[in-house]
Protein backbone atom coordinates (compact mmCIF):
# COMPACT_ATOMS: atom_id res chain seq x y z
CA MET A 1 -45.52 12.32 120.40
CA LYS A 2 -47.00 9.54 118.35
CA PHE A 3 -49.19 9.81 115.29
CA GLY A 4 -51.64 7.07 114.56
CA PHE A 5 -51.88 8.02 110.85
CA LYS A 6 -50.42 5.43 108.48
CA PRO A 7 -51.15 6.48 104.89
CA ALA A 8 -49.88 3.29 103.41
CA ASN A 9 -52.37 1.23 105.36
CA ARG A 10 -55.35 3.36 104.69
CA LYS A 11 -58.17 1.65 102.86
CA PHE A 12 -60.42 3.08 100.19
CA THR A 13 -63.76 1.87 98.97
CA ILE A 14 -64.64 2.39 95.32
CA LEU A 15 -68.34 2.31 94.47
CA VAL A 16 -69.58 1.47 91.00
CA VAL A 17 -73.24 2.57 90.75
CA PRO A 18 -74.92 1.39 87.54
CA GLU A 19 -78.05 3.09 86.24
CA GLY A 20 -81.36 1.65 87.09
CA ALA A 21 -82.03 -0.85 89.80
CA SER A 22 -78.84 -2.82 89.40
CA PRO A 23 -76.91 -3.46 92.57
CA VAL A 24 -73.95 -1.27 93.56
CA PHE A 25 -70.46 -2.80 93.27
CA ARG A 26 -67.95 -2.09 96.02
CA PHE A 27 -64.21 -2.44 95.67
CA ARG A 28 -61.92 -2.05 98.62
CA THR A 29 -58.26 -1.34 98.07
CA ARG A 30 -55.32 0.02 99.95
CA LEU A 31 -53.65 3.32 99.05
CA ALA A 32 -50.37 1.66 98.17
CA LEU A 33 -52.09 -0.62 95.64
CA LEU A 34 -54.05 2.29 94.25
CA LEU A 35 -50.87 4.34 93.84
CA SER A 36 -49.12 1.38 92.22
CA LEU A 37 -51.96 0.97 89.72
CA LEU A 38 -51.89 4.72 88.97
CA VAL A 39 -48.13 4.73 88.45
CA SER A 40 -48.36 1.61 86.25
CA ALA A 41 -51.11 3.24 84.17
CA ILE A 42 -49.01 6.38 83.77
CA VAL A 43 -45.98 4.27 82.73
CA VAL A 44 -48.05 2.26 80.25
CA ILE A 45 -49.56 5.41 78.81
CA GLY A 46 -46.06 6.91 78.52
CA LEU A 47 -44.74 3.79 76.79
CA VAL A 48 -47.68 3.81 74.41
CA LEU A 49 -47.03 7.45 73.57
CA VAL A 50 -43.32 6.73 73.06
CA LEU A 51 -44.16 3.78 70.80
CA ILE A 52 -46.63 5.89 68.81
CA VAL A 53 -44.02 8.63 68.31
CA ALA A 54 -41.34 6.05 67.41
CA ASN A 55 -43.72 4.30 65.01
CA ARG A 56 -44.53 7.57 63.28
CA SER A 57 -40.79 8.35 62.99
CA HIS A 58 -40.06 4.88 61.64
CA SER A 59 -42.99 5.14 59.22
CA SER A 60 -41.64 8.45 57.91
CA ARG A 61 -38.16 6.93 57.59
CA ILE A 62 -39.57 3.89 55.79
CA VAL A 63 -41.48 6.14 53.37
CA ALA A 64 -38.30 8.17 52.76
CA LEU A 65 -36.28 5.01 52.21
CA GLU A 66 -38.90 3.64 49.83
CA THR A 67 -38.85 6.92 47.90
CA GLU A 68 -35.04 6.90 47.83
CA LEU A 69 -35.01 3.24 46.75
CA SER A 70 -37.51 3.95 43.96
CA SER A 71 -35.42 6.94 42.82
CA SER A 72 -32.23 4.86 42.94
CA LYS A 73 -33.92 2.09 40.99
CA ASP A 74 -35.00 4.54 38.28
CA TYR A 75 -31.51 6.05 38.21
CA TYR A 76 -29.75 2.69 37.90
CA GLU A 77 -32.20 1.50 35.25
CA SER A 78 -31.56 4.71 33.32
CA THR A 79 -27.80 4.25 33.82
CA VAL A 80 -27.98 0.67 32.56
CA ASP A 81 -29.95 1.80 29.49
CA ASP A 82 -27.42 4.58 28.84
CA LYS A 83 -24.55 2.12 29.18
CA GLU A 84 -26.21 -0.32 26.80
CA GLN A 85 -26.71 2.48 24.29
CA ALA A 86 -23.09 3.56 24.79
CA ILE A 87 -21.91 -0.02 24.22
CA ASP A 88 -24.01 -0.26 21.04
CA THR A 89 -22.54 3.05 19.86
CA LEU A 90 -19.00 1.88 20.62
CA LEU A 91 -19.60 -1.39 18.76
CA THR A 92 -20.92 0.56 15.76
CA GLU A 93 -17.88 2.86 15.86
CA LEU A 94 -15.61 -0.16 16.22
CA LEU A 95 -17.17 -1.76 13.14
CA ASP A 96 -16.82 1.52 11.23
CA LEU A 97 -13.19 1.78 12.34
CA SER A 98 -12.62 -1.78 11.17
CA GLU A 99 -14.05 -0.95 7.73
CA LYS A 100 -11.91 2.19 7.55
CA SER A 101 -8.81 0.18 8.46
CA LYS A 102 -9.58 -2.13 5.54
CA THR A 103 -10.02 0.93 3.31
CA ILE A 104 -6.61 2.19 4.48
CA GLU A 105 -5.10 -1.17 3.53
CA SER A 106 -6.74 -0.91 0.10
CA ARG A 107 -5.40 2.64 -0.36
CA MET A 108 -1.95 1.45 0.68
CA LEU A 109 -2.10 -1.27 -1.98
CA GLU A 110 -3.16 1.32 -4.56
CA LEU A 111 -0.26 3.57 -3.59
CA GLU A 112 2.15 0.66 -3.80
CA GLN A 113 0.91 -0.25 -7.28
CA LEU A 114 1.07 3.39 -8.33
CA GLU A 115 4.63 3.49 -7.02
CA ALA A 116 5.47 0.37 -9.06
CA GLU A 117 3.94 1.87 -12.21
CA LEU A 118 5.78 5.16 -11.73
CA LYS A 119 9.03 3.29 -11.21
CA ALA A 120 8.37 1.28 -14.36
CA ILE A 121 7.86 4.52 -16.31
CA THR A 122 10.92 6.24 -14.90
CA ASN A 123 12.99 3.13 -15.61
CA GLY A 124 12.25 3.56 -19.30
CA ASN A 125 9.26 1.22 -19.72
CA ARG A 126 7.05 3.23 -22.06
CA GLN A 127 4.50 0.42 -22.48
CA THR A 128 2.75 1.00 -19.16
CA GLY A 129 0.13 3.13 -20.80
CA GLY A 130 0.12 6.14 -18.48
CA LEU A 131 -0.08 6.67 -14.76
CA ALA A 132 -3.64 5.55 -14.04
CA PRO A 133 -3.71 2.91 -11.31
CA THR A 134 -5.53 -0.29 -12.18
CA VAL A 135 -6.63 -1.19 -8.65
CA ALA A 136 -10.35 -0.67 -8.09
CA VAL A 137 -11.05 2.05 -5.55
CA ALA A 138 -12.71 0.70 -2.41
CA ALA A 139 -15.97 2.18 -1.19
CA ASP A 140 -15.62 4.83 1.50
CA SER A 141 -18.18 3.19 3.74
CA PRO A 142 -20.04 -0.14 4.12
CA GLY A 143 -23.25 1.54 2.99
CA GLU A 144 -21.68 2.60 -0.32
CA ALA A 145 -20.34 -0.92 -0.81
CA TYR A 146 -23.83 -2.36 -0.26
CA GLU A 147 -25.29 0.10 -2.78
CA GLN A 148 -22.69 -0.96 -5.35
CA LYS A 149 -23.12 -4.70 -4.81
CA GLY A 150 -26.91 -4.82 -4.37
CA GLY A 151 -29.36 -5.66 -1.58
CA VAL A 152 -28.41 -7.36 1.70
CA GLY A 153 -30.35 -9.04 4.52
CA GLY A 154 -30.40 -11.73 7.20
CA GLU A 155 -31.02 -12.17 10.91
CA SER A 156 -29.74 -9.63 13.43
CA ILE A 157 -27.40 -11.67 15.66
CA PRO A 158 -25.53 -9.67 18.33
CA LEU A 159 -21.76 -10.02 18.52
CA SER A 160 -20.47 -12.23 21.27
CA GLU A 161 -17.73 -11.06 23.62
CA GLU A 162 -15.24 -13.23 21.72
CA ASP A 163 -16.36 -11.69 18.41
CA VAL A 164 -15.88 -8.18 19.79
CA LEU A 165 -12.41 -8.98 21.14
CA ALA A 166 -11.43 -10.59 17.84
CA LEU A 167 -12.67 -7.54 15.91
CA ILE A 168 -10.76 -5.20 18.24
CA ASN A 169 -7.53 -7.19 17.84
CA GLU A 170 -7.95 -7.43 14.07
CA THR A 171 -8.56 -3.68 13.77
CA LYS A 172 -5.60 -2.87 16.05
CA ASP A 173 -3.30 -5.14 14.02
CA SER A 174 -4.50 -3.67 10.72
CA ILE A 175 -4.05 -0.07 11.84
CA ALA A 176 -0.70 -0.83 13.47
CA ALA A 177 0.57 -2.51 10.30
CA SER A 178 -0.58 0.43 8.16
CA LEU A 179 1.01 2.96 10.52
CA ASN A 180 4.27 1.00 10.57
CA GLU A 181 4.38 0.76 6.79
CA MET A 182 3.26 4.31 6.06
CA PRO A 183 6.56 6.15 6.83
CA ASP A 184 8.52 3.81 4.57
CA LEU A 185 5.92 4.09 1.82
CA GLN A 186 5.87 7.88 2.17
CA SER A 187 9.65 7.98 1.88
CA ARG A 188 9.57 5.76 -1.22
CA LEU A 189 6.83 7.88 -2.80
CA GLU A 190 8.82 11.05 -2.17
CA GLN A 191 11.79 9.50 -3.95
CA THR A 192 9.52 8.27 -6.74
CA LYS A 193 8.10 11.80 -7.05
CA ILE A 194 11.63 13.14 -7.48
CA ASN A 195 12.31 10.46 -10.10
CA VAL A 196 9.07 11.34 -11.92
CA GLU A 197 10.04 15.00 -12.01
CA LYS A 198 13.42 14.04 -13.44
CA TYR A 199 11.64 11.76 -15.90
CA LYS A 200 9.33 14.62 -16.97
CA GLU A 201 12.36 16.85 -17.49
CA MET A 202 14.03 14.12 -19.52
CA MET A 203 10.89 13.62 -21.59
CA ARG A 204 10.87 17.32 -22.42
CA ILE A 205 14.34 17.17 -23.93
CA LEU A 206 13.60 13.98 -25.86
CA PRO A 207 11.44 14.16 -29.03
CA THR A 208 8.40 12.50 -27.46
CA TYR A 209 5.72 15.10 -28.31
CA TRP A 210 3.63 14.27 -31.38
CA PRO A 211 4.37 17.10 -33.85
CA THR A 212 1.00 17.42 -35.63
CA ASP A 213 -2.73 17.43 -34.89
CA SER A 214 -3.17 14.47 -37.23
CA ALA A 215 -2.04 11.01 -36.14
CA ARG A 216 -2.25 9.51 -39.66
CA VAL A 217 1.12 7.93 -40.52
CA THR A 218 1.50 7.74 -44.32
CA SER A 219 5.00 6.26 -44.52
CA GLN A 220 7.15 4.48 -41.92
CA PHE A 221 10.89 4.80 -41.32
CA GLY A 222 13.04 2.33 -43.24
CA LYS A 223 13.09 0.69 -46.69
CA ARG A 224 10.23 1.54 -49.05
CA SER A 225 9.32 1.93 -52.69
CA ASP A 226 10.12 5.51 -53.72
CA PRO A 227 6.84 7.37 -54.50
CA PHE A 228 8.41 9.06 -57.52
CA SER A 229 10.74 6.47 -59.06
CA GLY A 230 9.24 3.27 -57.69
CA ARG A 231 12.72 2.01 -56.78
CA LEU A 232 13.55 0.48 -53.38
CA THR A 233 15.05 3.25 -51.25
CA VAL A 234 15.66 4.15 -47.62
CA HIS A 235 13.14 6.47 -45.99
CA SER A 236 15.06 8.35 -43.32
CA GLY A 237 12.08 9.73 -41.41
CA LEU A 238 8.39 9.39 -40.63
CA ASP A 239 5.65 10.87 -42.83
CA ILE A 240 2.47 12.15 -41.14
CA GLY A 241 -0.43 13.20 -43.35
CA GLY A 242 -2.64 16.20 -42.59
CA GLN A 243 -4.36 19.29 -43.88
CA THR A 244 -2.44 22.16 -45.45
CA GLY A 245 -1.95 24.89 -42.87
CA ASP A 246 -2.18 22.57 -39.84
CA PRO A 247 0.24 23.60 -37.05
CA ILE A 248 3.53 21.78 -36.60
CA TYR A 249 4.93 21.51 -33.06
CA ALA A 250 8.41 21.11 -31.63
CA ALA A 251 8.81 17.52 -30.43
CA ALA A 252 11.12 18.60 -27.58
CA ASP A 253 12.79 21.59 -25.94
CA GLY A 254 15.71 22.92 -27.94
CA THR A 255 17.28 25.59 -30.10
CA VAL A 256 16.52 26.15 -33.76
CA THR A 257 19.88 25.71 -35.52
CA ASP A 258 18.80 25.95 -39.15
CA THR A 259 15.84 26.95 -41.31
CA GLY A 260 15.51 27.33 -45.07
CA TYR A 261 14.29 25.83 -48.28
CA SER A 262 15.65 23.12 -50.59
CA SER A 263 14.24 21.29 -53.57
CA ALA A 264 14.12 18.01 -51.62
CA ARG A 265 13.12 19.23 -48.13
CA GLY A 266 10.99 22.19 -49.12
CA ASN A 267 10.60 24.58 -46.20
CA TYR A 268 12.33 22.99 -43.23
CA ALA A 269 13.62 23.65 -39.72
CA THR A 270 16.26 21.86 -37.64
CA ILE A 271 16.16 21.84 -33.81
CA LYS A 272 19.01 20.70 -31.56
CA HIS A 273 17.90 19.33 -28.21
CA PRO A 274 19.77 19.25 -24.83
CA SER A 275 19.70 15.47 -25.02
CA GLY A 276 22.11 15.63 -27.98
CA LEU A 277 19.43 14.60 -30.49
CA GLN A 278 18.30 16.66 -33.46
CA THR A 279 14.93 16.79 -35.20
CA ILE A 280 14.27 18.03 -38.74
CA TYR A 281 10.79 19.09 -39.94
CA MET A 282 10.32 19.15 -43.76
CA HIS A 283 7.83 20.06 -46.51
CA MET A 284 6.25 22.84 -44.43
CA LYS A 285 4.02 25.37 -46.07
CA LYS A 286 5.61 28.02 -43.89
CA THR A 287 8.38 28.11 -41.29
CA ILE A 288 7.43 30.13 -38.21
CA ALA A 289 10.51 29.54 -36.06
CA THR A 290 13.74 31.23 -37.08
CA LYS A 291 17.36 30.30 -36.56
CA GLY A 292 18.51 30.93 -33.01
CA ASP A 293 15.03 30.65 -31.45
CA VAL A 294 14.78 28.74 -28.16
CA VAL A 295 11.61 26.67 -28.30
CA LYS A 296 9.73 24.57 -25.76
CA GLN A 297 8.18 21.19 -26.37
CA GLY A 298 4.81 21.80 -28.03
CA ASP A 299 5.62 25.28 -29.41
CA LYS A 300 4.35 25.93 -32.92
CA ILE A 301 7.30 26.13 -35.32
CA GLY A 302 5.58 26.00 -38.73
CA LEU A 303 2.57 25.08 -40.86
CA LEU A 304 2.03 21.74 -42.58
CA GLY A 305 2.32 21.81 -46.38
CA SER A 306 3.64 20.01 -49.46
CA THR A 307 6.74 21.93 -50.49
CA GLY A 308 9.84 20.28 -51.99
CA ARG A 309 9.87 16.60 -52.99
CA SER A 310 6.35 15.77 -51.84
CA THR A 311 3.25 14.14 -53.30
CA GLY A 312 0.77 15.87 -50.97
CA PRO A 313 0.38 17.75 -47.64
CA HIS A 314 2.30 15.98 -44.90
CA LEU A 315 5.14 16.42 -42.42
CA HIS A 316 8.36 14.49 -42.83
CA ILE A 317 10.12 14.37 -39.43
CA GLU A 318 13.60 12.97 -38.86
CA VAL A 319 15.41 12.18 -35.60
CA ILE A 320 19.21 12.23 -35.72
CA LYS A 321 21.26 10.53 -33.03
CA GLY A 322 25.04 10.67 -33.18
CA GLY A 323 24.88 11.85 -36.79
CA VAL A 324 22.67 8.90 -37.85
CA THR A 325 18.94 9.00 -38.53
CA VAL A 326 16.85 6.67 -36.32
CA ASP A 327 13.19 5.70 -36.32
CA PRO A 328 11.24 8.64 -34.80
CA LEU A 329 8.74 6.18 -33.30
CA ILE A 330 11.45 5.09 -30.86
CA TYR A 331 10.66 8.38 -29.11
CA LEU A 332 7.34 9.67 -30.43
CA THR A 333 4.12 8.31 -28.99
CA ILE A 334 1.15 8.30 -31.34
CA PRO A 335 -1.81 10.12 -29.68
CA GLY A 336 -4.31 7.63 -28.25
CA GLU A 337 -1.79 4.81 -28.26
CA ASP A 338 -1.37 4.84 -24.45
CA GLU A 339 -5.11 4.84 -23.83
CA ASN A 340 -5.60 1.73 -25.98
CA GLN A 341 -2.98 -0.35 -24.20
């Protein structure tokens, strides 16, 4: 059985009828061509739809990337600003640390000079004039130094990388040197402290304490014209003028070995000190200490007067070493003398 129908060869006529009296257009085409055009149109439309969807997806991605890029840019700019501020802060702290390292060096020099002065004192040099260091104290901060010296100014020129590295190395070297020297200095100061304590103990058993409130010396130790006879005689002590009733103090720690009255000494007291020296206090109005008393340096032992062989109120003090009188000013320090040196 044969069929005469061949779909692929069938022909179609397409009429295009415009409005009005315009002629009608006729297009003849085969089914296969018509199907091919339809399939092509469907494919094109599908591709267009795919491209539209892809374009929208890419547009959204681009917008997201632009937003992310803008956010990253803001973040990195903020990070750079923070880092610059951190660098400025570190440079400021580095400069402050450098100034402090210089202050440490200055303090170390002060301690070394103080150590030298203390050693000079404990070695018997009584002309140092006390323990006050003579080194000027450095300012605690650059601002204080500027206030002390006056106004400052000039251009603000940032430090170069070489300047920063040089400042870092200088500060490290300064701090390292101070840290290396500090243990030795601390050890020396501890020993000096021990020596000072021994020195203070020694000074308490030596007649170094000024025995009256008055510092007016009326007659030195040695040869002089006798106030009664006018003849040249030896004055075996030191006369200190004052007001009747003024307190008289023990020049050093010791034990009162003798008190009494004589026509030459008037009321007197003798103190023996652990150093082996003796001191005698004469012409007192009244003796407060009694024989056998243990007194400390600075204790009141009597009242100033003019008893015995005396022309007026004063204290005659003698220092006896090995049975021989010596000049009391070898040991005594006149009040105010240290401050004036």
